[in-house]
Each structure stands twice: as structure tokens, then as C-alpha cells.
Amino acid sequence: MEDTKEKNFVAINYISCKDHYRERFEELFATRAGAIDVMPGFKYMEVLRPMEEGDNYLIVSHWDSEDNFKTWTKSAEFIKGHIRGFEDIKIAKQKGEEPPMTSSFKTYEVISR
């Protein structure tokens, strides 16, 4: 028997920031464009600050489906929502420096609440 309950999808972006960039990173989220907020299937997002030095920030976004999330990652709104961070990375590379932050994400299906 197929499960007819609504499934939810979560994407977690693991962000590693250089120490000097943490304040800037938090400022980017405090003044974010809100572009993700208008995307179909987007529910809400949490930005988690690490309690331990050296740990990653976690950006947890909740979606109706994986397809909704994938549409977001290929959208103009995605670029709009990330343009300032992308620019910071570009500037660091032009100076021959390591990027001030790196990210990787993993995706999950919610099976229980």
C-alpha cells in the first residue's frame, strides 16, 4: 500500500567560513534578499550558528518536494539570493586568496516529526 501522506523535503547547506568572514556571513543572512521566500514549494528556512569554533553553519531549508528545491537552485531567484556571497568569493579568487567560505549540501526526506 502506497503512503499517501505528504512527504517533505529538506536541504541542508553546510557552510564553512574563515574566522574573519563570520561577521560578514551573518550580515548577508540578516539582510538577505528574501528571493527564496517566493519560490513555489518553499516552506521556511533556518540558519544555525555553530556553538563550537570551527564547526559549520547550517542552512536548513524546508520544501514541499525535491523538485521544488531543484527548481530553486536553477532559478534567477537563486542567483539573486546568493549574488553578494558569490561576489565575495570572486573577489577573494581575483586576489589569489582562498574563498572566505565554502559550502556543500545534502538533501533529506522527512520521515517523522
Protein backbone atom coordinates (compact mmCIF):
# COMPACT_ATOMS: atom_id res chain seq x y z
CA MET A 1 0.00 0.00 0.00
CA GLU A 2 1.45 3.35 -1.05
CA ASP A 3 1.92 6.05 1.57
CA THR A 4 -0.35 8.98 0.62
CA LYS A 5 0.85 11.31 3.38
CA GLU A 6 2.53 14.47 2.16
CA LYS A 7 6.27 13.99 2.08
CA ASN A 8 8.51 16.89 2.93
CA PHE A 9 11.97 17.59 1.65
CA VAL A 10 14.86 19.25 3.47
CA ALA A 11 18.10 20.59 2.05
CA ILE A 12 20.95 21.35 4.45
CA ASN A 13 23.78 23.55 3.26
CA TYR A 14 26.95 23.15 5.33
CA ILE A 15 28.87 26.45 5.25
CA SER A 16 32.45 26.71 6.42
CA CYS A 17 33.61 30.30 6.99
CA LYS A 18 37.05 31.69 7.57
CA ASP A 19 37.14 33.34 11.01
CA HIS A 20 37.47 36.84 9.52
CA TYR A 21 34.36 36.24 7.36
CA ARG A 22 31.87 35.06 10.01
CA GLU A 23 30.51 38.53 10.77
CA ARG A 24 30.05 39.26 7.06
CA PHE A 25 28.36 35.89 6.53
CA GLU A 26 25.85 36.58 9.29
CA GLU A 27 25.25 40.07 7.89
CA LEU A 28 24.41 38.53 4.50
CA PHE A 29 21.63 36.50 6.10
CA ALA A 30 20.42 39.36 8.30
CA THR A 31 19.94 41.47 5.17
CA ARG A 32 19.02 38.71 2.73
CA ALA A 33 17.04 39.45 -0.41
CA GLY A 34 14.22 37.05 0.52
CA ALA A 35 14.25 35.64 -3.01
CA ILE A 36 13.70 32.09 -1.77
CA ASP A 37 10.53 33.14 0.06
CA VAL A 38 8.53 33.47 -3.16
CA MET A 39 9.54 30.12 -4.63
CA PRO A 40 6.81 27.51 -5.16
CA GLY A 41 7.02 24.77 -2.56
CA PHE A 42 9.27 26.69 -0.18
CA LYS A 43 8.15 26.41 3.44
CA TYR A 44 10.79 28.01 5.65
CA MET A 45 14.49 28.25 6.33
CA GLU A 46 16.63 28.10 9.46
CA VAL A 47 20.15 29.49 9.73
CA LEU A 48 22.07 27.77 12.52
CA ARG A 49 25.22 29.29 14.02
CA PRO A 50 27.75 26.75 15.30
CA MET A 51 28.33 26.66 19.04
CA GLU A 52 31.81 25.16 18.67
CA GLU A 53 34.66 27.02 17.00
CA GLY A 54 35.47 25.54 13.61
CA ASP A 55 32.07 23.93 13.08
CA ASN A 56 29.90 24.72 10.07
CA TYR A 57 26.92 26.99 9.83
CA LEU A 58 23.87 25.03 8.73
CA ILE A 59 21.29 26.48 6.39
CA VAL A 60 18.24 24.25 6.62
CA SER A 61 15.55 24.84 4.02
CA HIS A 62 12.21 23.03 4.08
CA TRP A 63 10.30 22.30 0.88
CA ASP A 64 7.20 20.53 -0.34
CA SER A 65 9.30 18.42 -2.71
CA GLU A 66 12.73 17.77 -4.14
CA ASP A 67 11.52 19.13 -7.48
CA ASN A 68 10.66 22.46 -5.84
CA PHE A 69 14.16 22.63 -4.36
CA LYS A 70 15.83 21.77 -7.67
CA THR A 71 13.79 24.45 -9.43
CA TRP A 72 15.07 26.96 -6.85
CA THR A 73 18.71 26.03 -7.45
CA LYS A 74 18.32 26.69 -11.20
CA SER A 75 16.35 29.92 -10.88
CA ALA A 76 17.12 33.62 -11.28
CA GLU A 77 15.92 33.99 -7.68
CA PHE A 78 18.73 31.64 -6.56
CA ILE A 79 21.32 33.90 -8.20
CA LYS A 80 19.66 36.98 -6.69
CA GLY A 81 19.69 35.39 -3.25
CA HIS A 82 23.38 34.47 -3.44
CA ILE A 83 24.92 37.25 -5.55
CA ARG A 84 26.68 39.06 -2.69
CA GLY A 85 28.30 35.88 -1.35
CA PHE A 86 29.29 34.82 -4.87
CA GLU A 87 30.86 38.26 -5.36
CA ASP A 88 32.87 37.93 -2.12
CA ILE A 89 34.23 34.59 -3.34
CA LYS A 90 35.06 36.04 -6.77
CA ILE A 91 36.95 38.97 -5.21
CA ALA A 92 39.00 36.62 -3.00
CA LYS A 93 39.91 34.48 -6.01
CA GLN A 94 40.93 37.56 -8.01
CA LYS A 95 43.29 38.48 -5.15
CA GLY A 96 44.74 34.97 -5.19
CA GLU A 97 43.20 34.19 -1.80
CA GLU A 98 41.22 31.19 -0.66
CA PRO A 99 37.47 31.73 -0.71
CA PRO A 100 36.18 33.19 2.58
CA MET A 101 33.55 30.44 2.70
CA THR A 102 32.83 27.10 1.15
CA SER A 103 29.64 25.12 1.06
CA SER A 104 28.24 21.71 0.38
CA PHE A 105 24.73 20.49 0.75
CA LYS A 106 22.92 17.28 1.44
CA THR A 107 19.27 16.52 0.96
CA TYR A 108 16.83 14.57 3.09
CA GLU A 109 13.28 13.32 3.08
CA VAL A 110 11.42 13.92 6.33
CA ILE A 111 10.04 10.62 7.62
CA SER A 112 8.94 11.68 11.11
CA ARG A 113 8.26 14.78 13.18
